[in-house]
């Protein structure tokens, strides 16, 4: 695996300053959440650092890279919602550019935008760290930050509710994995 200093340099050279700062914030937040919930802090930091490696690649290039370079055909929702393409592509680039082959880290990168049912603790942490990292500023973020350190699953449900509500109000599609993630977490609470 590439040294972290080289990964940071790669990201600094390929991402906008704002996106690079966000990535550093997610890495730090992920490490704090990992410490709180007993996950591997190094994995959390690394997954947070590289989660948006493909975020600024345009949609057409991302689709082409996924299909031609990595042999991945994405589902119709991901294909038609450009914002979603960076997550699966990011997991691929984490392998080819940085030599990261840890399945748990790759899963966390792949699902940091949509979430999914039965997420590992690391995937939950990256999903939430992306939502609440210190550079985020939206109505309710402080309450969500507090909730994330009190009950991670409940905070994820709140985040998913917010995402679904925003997409519905804008008349946009949301990924089935997002619905499955929410339903799974709620079912776990009533069992």
N, C-alpha and C. Protein backbone atom coordinates (compact mmCIF):
# COMPACT_ATOMS: atom_id res chain seq x y z
N UNK A 1 0.83 -1.18 0.00
CA UNK A 1 0.00 0.00 0.00
C UNK A 1 0.88 1.25 0.00
N UNK A 2 0.42 2.25 -0.71
CA UNK A 2 1.14 3.52 -0.77
C UNK A 2 1.19 4.18 0.61
N UNK A 3 2.27 4.85 0.91
CA UNK A 3 2.40 5.58 2.18
C UNK A 3 1.35 6.67 2.26
N UNK A 4 0.88 6.95 3.48
CA UNK A 4 -0.16 7.96 3.65
C UNK A 4 0.28 9.33 3.14
N UNK A 5 1.53 9.69 3.34
CA UNK A 5 2.00 11.00 2.88
C UNK A 5 1.87 11.11 1.36
N UNK A 6 2.11 10.01 0.66
CA UNK A 6 1.99 10.01 -0.81
C UNK A 6 0.52 10.03 -1.23
N UNK A 7 -0.33 9.35 -0.47
CA UNK A 7 -1.77 9.39 -0.75
C UNK A 7 -2.27 10.83 -0.60
N UNK A 8 -1.86 11.48 0.48
CA UNK A 8 -2.27 12.87 0.70
C UNK A 8 -1.80 13.77 -0.44
N UNK A 9 -0.58 13.58 -0.87
CA UNK A 9 -0.03 14.39 -1.96
C UNK A 9 -0.82 14.16 -3.25
N UNK A 10 -1.13 12.89 -3.53
CA UNK A 10 -1.95 12.55 -4.70
C UNK A 10 -3.29 13.28 -4.63
N UNK A 11 -3.95 13.19 -3.48
CA UNK A 11 -5.27 13.82 -3.32
C UNK A 11 -5.17 15.34 -3.43
N UNK A 12 -4.14 15.89 -2.84
CA UNK A 12 -3.95 17.34 -2.88
C UNK A 12 -3.75 17.82 -4.32
N UNK A 13 -3.09 17.00 -5.14
CA UNK A 13 -2.83 17.35 -6.53
C UNK A 13 -4.00 17.10 -7.47
N UNK A 14 -4.93 16.22 -7.07
CA UNK A 14 -6.02 15.86 -7.98
C UNK A 14 -7.37 16.43 -7.56
N UNK A 15 -7.54 16.79 -6.30
CA UNK A 15 -8.82 17.33 -5.82
C UNK A 15 -8.73 18.84 -5.67
N UNK A 16 -9.89 19.48 -5.69
CA UNK A 16 -9.93 20.91 -5.39
C UNK A 16 -9.52 21.10 -3.93
N UNK A 17 -9.15 22.32 -3.60
CA UNK A 17 -8.74 22.60 -2.23
C UNK A 17 -9.87 22.29 -1.25
N UNK A 18 -11.09 22.66 -1.60
CA UNK A 18 -12.26 22.40 -0.75
C UNK A 18 -12.48 20.90 -0.54
N UNK A 19 -12.39 20.12 -1.62
CA UNK A 19 -12.60 18.67 -1.52
C UNK A 19 -11.47 18.01 -0.74
N UNK A 20 -10.25 18.47 -0.92
CA UNK A 20 -9.13 17.92 -0.16
C UNK A 20 -9.31 18.21 1.33
N UNK A 21 -9.70 19.42 1.65
CA UNK A 21 -9.95 19.78 3.06
C UNK A 21 -11.07 18.92 3.64
N UNK A 22 -12.11 18.69 2.85
CA UNK A 22 -13.21 17.81 3.27
C UNK A 22 -12.69 16.40 3.55
N UNK A 23 -11.86 15.87 2.67
CA UNK A 23 -11.31 14.53 2.84
C UNK A 23 -10.50 14.42 4.13
N UNK A 24 -9.71 15.44 4.42
CA UNK A 24 -8.95 15.45 5.68
C UNK A 24 -9.90 15.49 6.87
N UNK A 25 -10.97 16.28 6.75
CA UNK A 25 -11.96 16.35 7.82
C UNK A 25 -12.68 15.04 8.05
N UNK A 26 -13.02 14.33 6.98
CA UNK A 26 -13.67 13.03 7.11
C UNK A 26 -12.73 12.03 7.76
N UNK A 27 -11.46 12.06 7.38
CA UNK A 27 -10.48 11.14 7.98
C UNK A 27 -10.38 11.37 9.49
N UNK A 28 -10.33 12.62 9.90
CA UNK A 28 -10.23 12.94 11.33
C UNK A 28 -11.50 12.55 12.07
N UNK A 29 -12.65 12.87 11.49
CA UNK A 29 -13.93 12.53 12.13
C UNK A 29 -14.11 11.03 12.21
N UNK A 30 -13.73 10.32 11.16
CA UNK A 30 -13.84 8.86 11.14
C UNK A 30 -12.98 8.24 12.25
N UNK A 31 -11.80 8.80 12.44
CA UNK A 31 -10.92 8.29 13.49
C UNK A 31 -11.53 8.51 14.87
N UNK A 32 -12.16 9.67 15.09
CA UNK A 32 -12.82 9.94 16.38
C UNK A 32 -13.99 9.00 16.59
N UNK A 33 -14.80 8.79 15.55
CA UNK A 33 -15.93 7.86 15.68
C UNK A 33 -15.45 6.43 15.92
N UNK A 34 -14.38 6.05 15.25
CA UNK A 34 -13.81 4.71 15.44
C UNK A 34 -13.35 4.53 16.88
N UNK A 35 -12.74 5.55 17.43
CA UNK A 35 -12.31 5.51 18.82
C UNK A 35 -13.51 5.35 19.75
N UNK A 36 -14.57 6.08 19.48
CA UNK A 36 -15.79 6.04 20.30
C UNK A 36 -16.44 4.66 20.25
N UNK A 37 -16.50 4.05 19.06
CA UNK A 37 -17.26 2.81 18.89
C UNK A 37 -16.40 1.55 18.81
N UNK A 38 -15.11 1.68 18.99
CA UNK A 38 -14.25 0.51 19.06
C UNK A 38 -13.87 -0.09 17.72
N UNK A 39 -13.85 0.71 16.69
CA UNK A 39 -13.43 0.23 15.36
C UNK A 39 -11.94 0.52 15.19
N UNK A 40 -11.38 -0.02 14.13
CA UNK A 40 -9.97 0.18 13.82
C UNK A 40 -9.76 1.63 13.36
N UNK A 41 -9.04 2.41 14.17
CA UNK A 41 -8.86 3.84 13.88
C UNK A 41 -8.03 4.07 12.62
N UNK A 42 -7.04 3.22 12.37
CA UNK A 42 -6.22 3.39 11.17
C UNK A 42 -7.03 3.16 9.90
N UNK A 43 -7.85 2.10 9.91
CA UNK A 43 -8.70 1.83 8.75
C UNK A 43 -9.70 2.96 8.55
N UNK A 44 -10.27 3.45 9.64
CA UNK A 44 -11.25 4.53 9.55
C UNK A 44 -10.60 5.79 8.96
N UNK A 45 -9.43 6.11 9.44
CA UNK A 45 -8.71 7.28 8.95
C UNK A 45 -8.42 7.14 7.45
N UNK A 46 -7.92 6.00 7.05
CA UNK A 46 -7.57 5.77 5.65
C UNK A 46 -8.80 5.80 4.75
N UNK A 47 -9.86 5.12 5.16
CA UNK A 47 -11.10 5.12 4.36
C UNK A 47 -11.66 6.53 4.23
N UNK A 48 -11.63 7.28 5.33
CA UNK A 48 -12.10 8.66 5.28
C UNK A 48 -11.26 9.53 4.38
N UNK A 49 -9.97 9.33 4.42
CA UNK A 49 -9.06 10.11 3.60
C UNK A 49 -9.32 9.92 2.11
N UNK A 50 -9.51 8.68 1.68
CA UNK A 50 -9.60 8.40 0.24
C UNK A 50 -11.04 8.27 -0.28
N UNK A 51 -12.04 8.42 0.57
CA UNK A 51 -13.42 8.13 0.16
C UNK A 51 -13.87 8.93 -1.06
N UNK A 52 -13.38 10.15 -1.24
CA UNK A 52 -13.81 10.99 -2.36
C UNK A 52 -12.77 11.12 -3.47
N UNK A 53 -11.88 10.15 -3.59
CA UNK A 53 -10.81 10.23 -4.59
C UNK A 53 -11.37 10.45 -6.00
N UNK A 54 -12.56 9.94 -6.28
CA UNK A 54 -13.14 10.06 -7.63
C UNK A 54 -14.24 11.12 -7.72
N UNK A 55 -14.44 11.88 -6.68
CA UNK A 55 -15.57 12.81 -6.61
C UNK A 55 -15.58 13.85 -7.73
N UNK A 56 -14.42 14.31 -8.14
CA UNK A 56 -14.38 15.38 -9.13
C UNK A 56 -14.12 14.90 -10.56
N UNK A 57 -14.27 13.61 -10.76
CA UNK A 57 -14.19 13.06 -12.12
C UNK A 57 -15.58 13.21 -12.74
N UNK A 58 -15.66 13.79 -13.94
CA UNK A 58 -16.96 14.02 -14.55
C UNK A 58 -17.69 12.70 -14.82
N UNK A 59 -19.00 12.79 -14.90
CA UNK A 59 -19.85 11.60 -14.99
C UNK A 59 -19.53 10.71 -16.19
N UNK A 60 -19.33 11.31 -17.36
CA UNK A 60 -19.04 10.49 -18.55
C UNK A 60 -17.72 9.73 -18.39
N UNK A 61 -16.72 10.41 -17.87
CA UNK A 61 -15.43 9.75 -17.63
C UNK A 61 -15.56 8.66 -16.58
N UNK A 62 -16.34 8.93 -15.53
CA UNK A 62 -16.52 7.94 -14.47
C UNK A 62 -17.21 6.69 -15.01
N UNK A 63 -18.25 6.89 -15.81
CA UNK A 63 -18.96 5.75 -16.40
C UNK A 63 -18.02 4.93 -17.28
N UNK A 64 -17.24 5.63 -18.10
CA UNK A 64 -16.30 4.96 -19.01
C UNK A 64 -15.24 4.19 -18.21
N UNK A 65 -14.68 4.84 -17.18
CA UNK A 65 -13.67 4.17 -16.37
C UNK A 65 -14.24 2.92 -15.70
N UNK A 66 -15.43 3.04 -15.11
CA UNK A 66 -16.03 1.89 -14.44
C UNK A 66 -16.23 0.74 -15.42
N UNK A 67 -16.76 1.05 -16.60
CA UNK A 67 -17.07 0.01 -17.59
C UNK A 67 -15.82 -0.54 -18.27
N UNK A 68 -15.00 0.35 -18.84
CA UNK A 68 -13.89 -0.09 -19.68
C UNK A 68 -12.64 -0.48 -18.89
N UNK A 69 -12.33 0.28 -17.87
CA UNK A 69 -11.10 0.00 -17.11
C UNK A 69 -11.31 -1.08 -16.04
N UNK A 70 -12.50 -1.03 -15.40
CA UNK A 70 -12.72 -1.94 -14.27
C UNK A 70 -13.77 -3.02 -14.53
N UNK A 71 -14.42 -2.98 -15.70
CA UNK A 71 -15.39 -4.01 -16.04
C UNK A 71 -16.63 -4.01 -15.16
N UNK A 72 -17.00 -2.84 -14.66
CA UNK A 72 -18.15 -2.74 -13.75
C UNK A 72 -19.29 -2.03 -14.46
N UNK A 73 -20.42 -2.69 -14.47
CA UNK A 73 -21.64 -2.07 -14.98
C UNK A 73 -22.47 -1.68 -13.76
N UNK A 74 -22.68 -0.40 -13.59
CA UNK A 74 -23.43 0.06 -12.44
C UNK A 74 -24.92 -0.06 -12.70
N UNK A 75 -25.69 -0.09 -11.62
CA UNK A 75 -27.15 -0.18 -11.73
C UNK A 75 -27.70 1.10 -12.37
N UNK A 76 -28.95 1.06 -12.86
CA UNK A 76 -29.52 2.21 -13.57
C UNK A 76 -29.58 3.50 -12.75
N UNK A 77 -29.84 3.39 -11.45
CA UNK A 77 -29.91 4.61 -10.63
C UNK A 77 -28.53 5.25 -10.55
N UNK A 78 -27.52 4.47 -10.21
CA UNK A 78 -26.16 5.00 -10.13
C UNK A 78 -25.74 5.59 -11.48
N UNK A 79 -26.06 4.89 -12.55
CA UNK A 79 -25.69 5.37 -13.89
C UNK A 79 -26.29 6.74 -14.18
N UNK A 80 -27.53 6.93 -13.77
CA UNK A 80 -28.26 8.16 -14.10
C UNK A 80 -28.21 9.26 -13.05
N UNK A 81 -27.56 8.99 -11.92
CA UNK A 81 -27.37 10.01 -10.89
C UNK A 81 -25.86 10.21 -10.74
N UNK A 82 -25.32 11.15 -11.49
CA UNK A 82 -23.86 11.32 -11.53
C UNK A 82 -23.19 11.42 -10.16
N UNK A 83 -23.88 12.00 -9.19
CA UNK A 83 -23.33 12.17 -7.85
C UNK A 83 -22.97 10.82 -7.20
N UNK A 84 -23.60 9.75 -7.66
CA UNK A 84 -23.38 8.43 -7.05
C UNK A 84 -22.19 7.68 -7.66
N UNK A 85 -21.76 8.06 -8.84
CA UNK A 85 -20.72 7.32 -9.55
C UNK A 85 -19.37 7.31 -8.83
N UNK A 86 -19.08 8.36 -8.08
CA UNK A 86 -17.75 8.47 -7.47
C UNK A 86 -17.49 7.42 -6.40
N UNK A 87 -18.53 6.88 -5.78
CA UNK A 87 -18.31 5.92 -4.70
C UNK A 87 -17.79 4.57 -5.22
N UNK A 88 -18.47 3.92 -6.17
CA UNK A 88 -17.89 2.67 -6.68
C UNK A 88 -16.57 2.89 -7.40
N UNK A 89 -16.45 4.00 -8.12
CA UNK A 89 -15.20 4.30 -8.80
C UNK A 89 -14.09 4.56 -7.78
N UNK A 90 -14.43 5.22 -6.70
CA UNK A 90 -13.45 5.48 -5.64
C UNK A 90 -12.88 4.21 -5.05
N UNK A 91 -13.74 3.21 -4.87
CA UNK A 91 -13.26 1.92 -4.35
C UNK A 91 -12.28 1.28 -5.34
N UNK A 92 -12.58 1.40 -6.62
CA UNK A 92 -11.66 0.86 -7.64
C UNK A 92 -10.33 1.60 -7.64
N UNK A 93 -10.38 2.93 -7.58
CA UNK A 93 -9.16 3.73 -7.60
C UNK A 93 -8.34 3.54 -6.32
N UNK A 94 -9.01 3.28 -5.21
CA UNK A 94 -8.28 3.01 -3.97
C UNK A 94 -7.36 1.80 -4.15
N UNK A 95 -7.82 0.84 -4.93
CA UNK A 95 -7.01 -0.36 -5.20
C UNK A 95 -5.88 -0.05 -6.18
N UNK A 96 -6.24 0.54 -7.33
CA UNK A 96 -5.24 0.70 -8.39
C UNK A 96 -4.25 1.83 -8.12
N UNK A 97 -4.70 2.91 -7.51
CA UNK A 97 -3.82 4.07 -7.29
C UNK A 97 -3.04 3.98 -5.98
N UNK A 98 -3.67 3.38 -4.95
CA UNK A 98 -3.07 3.39 -3.62
C UNK A 98 -2.70 2.01 -3.09
N UNK A 99 -3.10 0.96 -3.80
CA UNK A 99 -2.79 -0.39 -3.34
C UNK A 99 -3.55 -0.79 -2.09
N UNK A 100 -4.76 -0.27 -1.93
CA UNK A 100 -5.61 -0.63 -0.79
C UNK A 100 -6.49 -1.80 -1.21
N UNK A 101 -6.31 -2.93 -0.56
CA UNK A 101 -7.09 -4.13 -0.91
C UNK A 101 -7.90 -4.66 0.26
N UNK A 102 -7.93 -3.95 1.35
CA UNK A 102 -8.71 -4.35 2.51
C UNK A 102 -10.20 -4.24 2.16
N UNK A 103 -10.90 -5.37 2.18
CA UNK A 103 -12.30 -5.41 1.75
C UNK A 103 -13.19 -4.50 2.58
N UNK A 104 -12.91 -4.37 3.86
CA UNK A 104 -13.73 -3.52 4.73
C UNK A 104 -13.58 -2.04 4.36
N UNK A 105 -12.37 -1.63 4.06
CA UNK A 105 -12.12 -0.24 3.64
C UNK A 105 -12.79 0.02 2.29
N UNK A 106 -12.63 -0.90 1.37
CA UNK A 106 -13.22 -0.73 0.04
C UNK A 106 -14.74 -0.67 0.10
N UNK A 107 -15.34 -1.47 0.96
CA UNK A 107 -16.80 -1.46 1.14
C UNK A 107 -17.25 -0.11 1.70
N UNK A 108 -16.50 0.41 2.67
CA UNK A 108 -16.84 1.70 3.27
C UNK A 108 -16.79 2.82 2.23
N UNK A 109 -15.81 2.77 1.34
CA UNK A 109 -15.71 3.77 0.28
C UNK A 109 -16.87 3.60 -0.70
N UNK A 110 -17.14 2.37 -1.09
CA UNK A 110 -18.18 2.10 -2.09
C UNK A 110 -19.57 2.54 -1.63
N UNK A 111 -19.85 2.45 -0.32
CA UNK A 111 -21.20 2.73 0.18
C UNK A 111 -21.28 4.00 1.02
N UNK A 112 -20.27 4.86 0.95
CA UNK A 112 -20.30 6.05 1.80
C UNK A 112 -21.36 7.06 1.37
N UNK A 113 -21.89 6.94 0.18
CA UNK A 113 -22.91 7.87 -0.30
C UNK A 113 -24.31 7.30 -0.16
N UNK A 114 -24.51 6.07 -0.55
CA UNK A 114 -25.85 5.47 -0.53
C UNK A 114 -26.16 4.77 0.78
N UNK A 115 -25.15 4.30 1.47
CA UNK A 115 -25.30 3.36 2.58
C UNK A 115 -25.85 2.05 2.01
N UNK A 116 -26.10 1.07 2.86
CA UNK A 116 -26.67 -0.20 2.42
C UNK A 116 -27.16 -0.96 3.65
N UNK A 117 -27.91 -2.00 3.43
CA UNK A 117 -28.36 -2.84 4.54
C UNK A 117 -27.17 -3.57 5.14
N UNK A 118 -27.22 -3.82 6.42
CA UNK A 118 -26.22 -4.63 7.12
C UNK A 118 -24.79 -4.11 6.92
N UNK A 119 -24.61 -2.82 7.14
CA UNK A 119 -23.28 -2.22 7.01
C UNK A 119 -22.37 -2.67 8.13
N UNK A 120 -21.09 -2.80 7.82
CA UNK A 120 -20.10 -3.03 8.87
C UNK A 120 -19.98 -1.76 9.70
N UNK A 121 -19.38 -1.88 10.86
CA UNK A 121 -19.16 -0.70 11.70
C UNK A 121 -18.34 0.34 10.94
N UNK A 122 -17.31 -0.09 10.23
CA UNK A 122 -16.48 0.86 9.49
C UNK A 122 -17.29 1.59 8.41
N UNK A 123 -18.14 0.89 7.70
CA UNK A 123 -18.97 1.53 6.67
C UNK A 123 -19.91 2.54 7.30
N UNK A 124 -20.49 2.20 8.45
CA UNK A 124 -21.34 3.15 9.16
C UNK A 124 -20.55 4.40 9.56
N UNK A 125 -19.35 4.19 10.04
CA UNK A 125 -18.52 5.30 10.50
C UNK A 125 -18.17 6.23 9.34
N UNK A 126 -17.81 5.69 8.20
CA UNK A 126 -17.46 6.53 7.05
C UNK A 126 -18.69 7.27 6.54
N UNK A 127 -19.83 6.59 6.48
CA UNK A 127 -21.07 7.25 6.07
C UNK A 127 -21.34 8.46 6.96
N UNK A 128 -21.24 8.26 8.27
CA UNK A 128 -21.56 9.34 9.20
C UNK A 128 -20.47 10.41 9.24
N UNK A 129 -19.21 10.00 9.18
CA UNK A 129 -18.12 10.98 9.19
C UNK A 129 -18.23 11.91 7.98
N UNK A 130 -18.63 11.38 6.85
CA UNK A 130 -18.81 12.19 5.65
C UNK A 130 -19.92 13.24 5.88
N UNK A 131 -20.92 12.87 6.63
CA UNK A 131 -22.05 13.75 6.92
C UNK A 131 -21.70 14.86 7.90
N UNK A 132 -20.88 14.54 8.92
CA UNK A 132 -20.72 15.47 10.04
C UNK A 132 -19.32 16.05 10.20
N UNK A 133 -18.43 15.79 9.28
CA UNK A 133 -17.05 16.29 9.44
C UNK A 133 -17.08 17.80 9.70
N UNK A 134 -16.05 18.32 10.36
CA UNK A 134 -16.07 19.70 10.86
C UNK A 134 -16.33 20.79 9.82
N UNK A 135 -16.07 20.54 8.55
CA UNK A 135 -16.29 21.55 7.52
C UNK A 135 -17.74 21.60 7.03
N UNK A 136 -18.55 20.63 7.44
CA UNK A 136 -19.96 20.61 7.03
C UNK A 136 -20.73 21.68 7.79
N UNK A 137 -21.63 22.35 7.08
CA UNK A 137 -22.42 23.39 7.70
C UNK A 137 -23.80 23.41 7.07
N UNK A 138 -24.75 22.78 7.74
CA UNK A 138 -26.13 22.81 7.27
C UNK A 138 -27.03 22.78 8.51
N UNK A 139 -28.26 23.17 8.32
CA UNK A 139 -29.19 23.21 9.45
C UNK A 139 -29.36 21.80 10.04
N UNK A 140 -29.11 21.69 11.33
CA UNK A 140 -29.24 20.42 12.02
C UNK A 140 -27.94 19.63 12.16
N UNK A 141 -26.84 20.12 11.59
CA UNK A 141 -25.59 19.35 11.63
C UNK A 141 -25.07 19.21 13.07
N UNK A 142 -25.23 20.24 13.90
CA UNK A 142 -24.73 20.13 15.27
C UNK A 142 -25.49 19.07 16.05
N UNK A 143 -26.80 19.00 15.85
CA UNK A 143 -27.60 17.96 16.51
C UNK A 143 -27.21 16.57 16.00
N UNK A 144 -26.96 16.48 14.69
CA UNK A 144 -26.57 15.21 14.10
C UNK A 144 -25.20 14.77 14.63
N UNK A 145 -24.28 15.72 14.80
CA UNK A 145 -22.97 15.40 15.37
C UNK A 145 -23.13 14.83 16.78
N UNK A 146 -23.97 15.48 17.56
CA UNK A 146 -24.20 15.01 18.93
C UNK A 146 -24.81 13.61 18.91
N UNK A 147 -25.78 13.41 18.07
CA UNK A 147 -26.45 12.12 17.96
C UNK A 147 -25.47 11.03 17.52
N UNK A 148 -24.54 11.36 16.63
CA UNK A 148 -23.58 10.38 16.13
C UNK A 148 -22.71 9.82 17.24
N UNK A 149 -22.46 10.61 18.27
CA UNK A 149 -21.63 10.14 19.38
C UNK A 149 -22.46 9.55 20.52
N UNK A 150 -23.78 9.59 20.35
CA UNK A 150 -24.68 9.00 21.34
C UNK A 150 -25.22 7.65 20.85
N UNK A 151 -25.66 7.62 19.59
CA UNK A 151 -26.25 6.40 19.00
C UNK A 151 -26.00 6.44 17.50
N UNK A 152 -24.98 5.73 17.06
CA UNK A 152 -24.56 5.78 15.65
C UNK A 152 -25.67 5.35 14.71
N UNK A 153 -26.35 4.27 15.02
CA UNK A 153 -27.42 3.79 14.14
C UNK A 153 -28.55 4.81 14.02
N UNK A 154 -28.92 5.40 15.15
CA UNK A 154 -29.99 6.41 15.13
C UNK A 154 -29.55 7.63 14.30
N UNK A 155 -28.30 8.00 14.41
CA UNK A 155 -27.78 9.13 13.63
C UNK A 155 -27.81 8.80 12.14
N UNK A 156 -27.48 7.57 11.79
CA UNK A 156 -27.53 7.17 10.38
C UNK A 156 -28.96 7.23 9.86
N UNK A 157 -29.91 6.76 10.65
CA UNK A 157 -31.32 6.84 10.25
C UNK A 157 -31.71 8.31 10.03
N UNK A 158 -31.30 9.19 10.92
CA UNK A 158 -31.58 10.61 10.76
C UNK A 158 -30.97 11.14 9.46
N UNK A 159 -29.73 10.76 9.19
CA UNK A 159 -29.07 11.18 7.96
C UNK A 159 -29.78 10.65 6.72
N UNK A 160 -30.17 9.39 6.77
CA UNK A 160 -30.88 8.79 5.64
C UNK A 160 -32.23 9.48 5.44
N UNK A 161 -32.93 9.76 6.54
CA UNK A 161 -34.21 10.47 6.45
C UNK A 161 -34.03 11.82 5.77
N UNK A 162 -32.98 12.52 6.17
CA UNK A 162 -32.71 13.84 5.60
C UNK A 162 -32.43 13.72 4.09
N UNK A 163 -31.60 12.76 3.73
CA UNK A 163 -31.26 12.56 2.32
C UNK A 163 -32.49 12.21 1.49
N UNK A 164 -33.28 11.26 1.97
CA UNK A 164 -34.48 10.85 1.24
C UNK A 164 -35.45 12.01 1.11
N UNK A 165 -35.64 12.75 2.19
CA UNK A 165 -36.56 13.90 2.18
C UNK A 165 -36.11 14.96 1.17
N UNK A 166 -34.82 15.28 1.17
CA UNK A 166 -34.30 16.27 0.22
C UNK A 166 -34.48 15.81 -1.22
N UNK A 167 -34.17 14.56 -1.49
CA UNK A 167 -34.30 14.04 -2.85
C UNK A 167 -35.75 14.01 -3.30
N UNK A 168 -36.64 13.62 -2.39
CA UNK A 168 -38.07 13.61 -2.73
C UNK A 168 -38.57 15.02 -3.02
N UNK A 169 -38.18 15.97 -2.18
CA UNK A 169 -38.66 17.35 -2.39
C UNK A 169 -38.12 17.95 -3.69
N UNK A 170 -36.96 17.47 -4.13
CA UNK A 170 -36.39 17.95 -5.40
C UNK A 170 -36.84 17.10 -6.60
N UNK A 171 -37.66 16.09 -6.35
CA UNK A 171 -38.14 15.23 -7.43
C UNK A 171 -37.07 14.34 -8.02
N UNK A 172 -36.05 14.02 -7.23
CA UNK A 172 -34.92 13.23 -7.73
C UNK A 172 -35.02 11.78 -7.27
N UNK A 173 -34.30 10.93 -7.97
CA UNK A 173 -34.21 9.52 -7.60
C UNK A 173 -33.30 9.36 -6.39
N UNK A 174 -33.59 8.34 -5.60
CA UNK A 174 -32.64 7.93 -4.58
C UNK A 174 -32.38 6.45 -4.73
N UNK A 175 -31.22 6.04 -4.30
CA UNK A 175 -30.77 4.68 -4.55
C UNK A 175 -31.52 3.67 -3.67
N UNK A 176 -31.88 2.51 -4.23
CA UNK A 176 -32.54 1.48 -3.41
C UNK A 176 -31.71 1.08 -2.19
N UNK A 177 -30.38 1.12 -2.29
CA UNK A 177 -29.55 0.78 -1.13
C UNK A 177 -29.82 1.71 0.05
N UNK A 178 -30.18 2.95 -0.24
CA UNK A 178 -30.48 3.91 0.82
C UNK A 178 -31.74 3.48 1.57
N UNK A 179 -32.74 3.06 0.84
CA UNK A 179 -33.98 2.57 1.46
C UNK A 179 -33.70 1.29 2.24
N UNK A 180 -32.93 0.39 1.65
CA UNK A 180 -32.61 -0.87 2.33
C UNK A 180 -31.83 -0.61 3.62
N UNK A 181 -30.92 0.35 3.58
CA UNK A 181 -30.14 0.69 4.77
C UNK A 181 -31.06 1.18 5.89
N UNK A 182 -31.95 2.09 5.55
CA UNK A 182 -32.87 2.64 6.55
C UNK A 182 -33.77 1.55 7.12
N UNK A 183 -34.37 0.76 6.25
CA UNK A 183 -35.27 -0.30 6.71
C UNK A 183 -34.53 -1.32 7.58
N UNK A 184 -33.33 -1.67 7.19
CA UNK A 184 -32.53 -2.63 7.96
C UNK A 184 -32.28 -2.10 9.37
N UNK A 185 -31.85 -0.86 9.48
CA UNK A 185 -31.56 -0.29 10.79
C UNK A 185 -32.81 -0.21 11.67
N UNK A 186 -33.94 0.13 11.06
CA UNK A 186 -35.18 0.19 11.83
C UNK A 186 -35.62 -1.20 12.25
N UNK A 187 -35.48 -2.18 11.37
CA UNK A 187 -35.84 -3.56 11.75
C UNK A 187 -34.96 -4.06 12.89
N UNK A 188 -33.70 -3.67 12.90
CA UNK A 188 -32.79 -4.09 13.99
C UNK A 188 -33.25 -3.53 15.33
N UNK A 189 -33.84 -2.36 15.31
CA UNK A 189 -34.31 -1.72 16.54
C UNK A 189 -35.55 -2.41 17.11
N UNK A 190 -36.38 -3.00 16.24
CA UNK A 190 -37.62 -3.60 16.73
C UNK A 190 -37.51 -5.11 16.98
N UNK A 191 -36.35 -5.66 16.71
CA UNK A 191 -36.16 -7.11 16.95
C UNK A 191 -35.93 -7.35 18.42
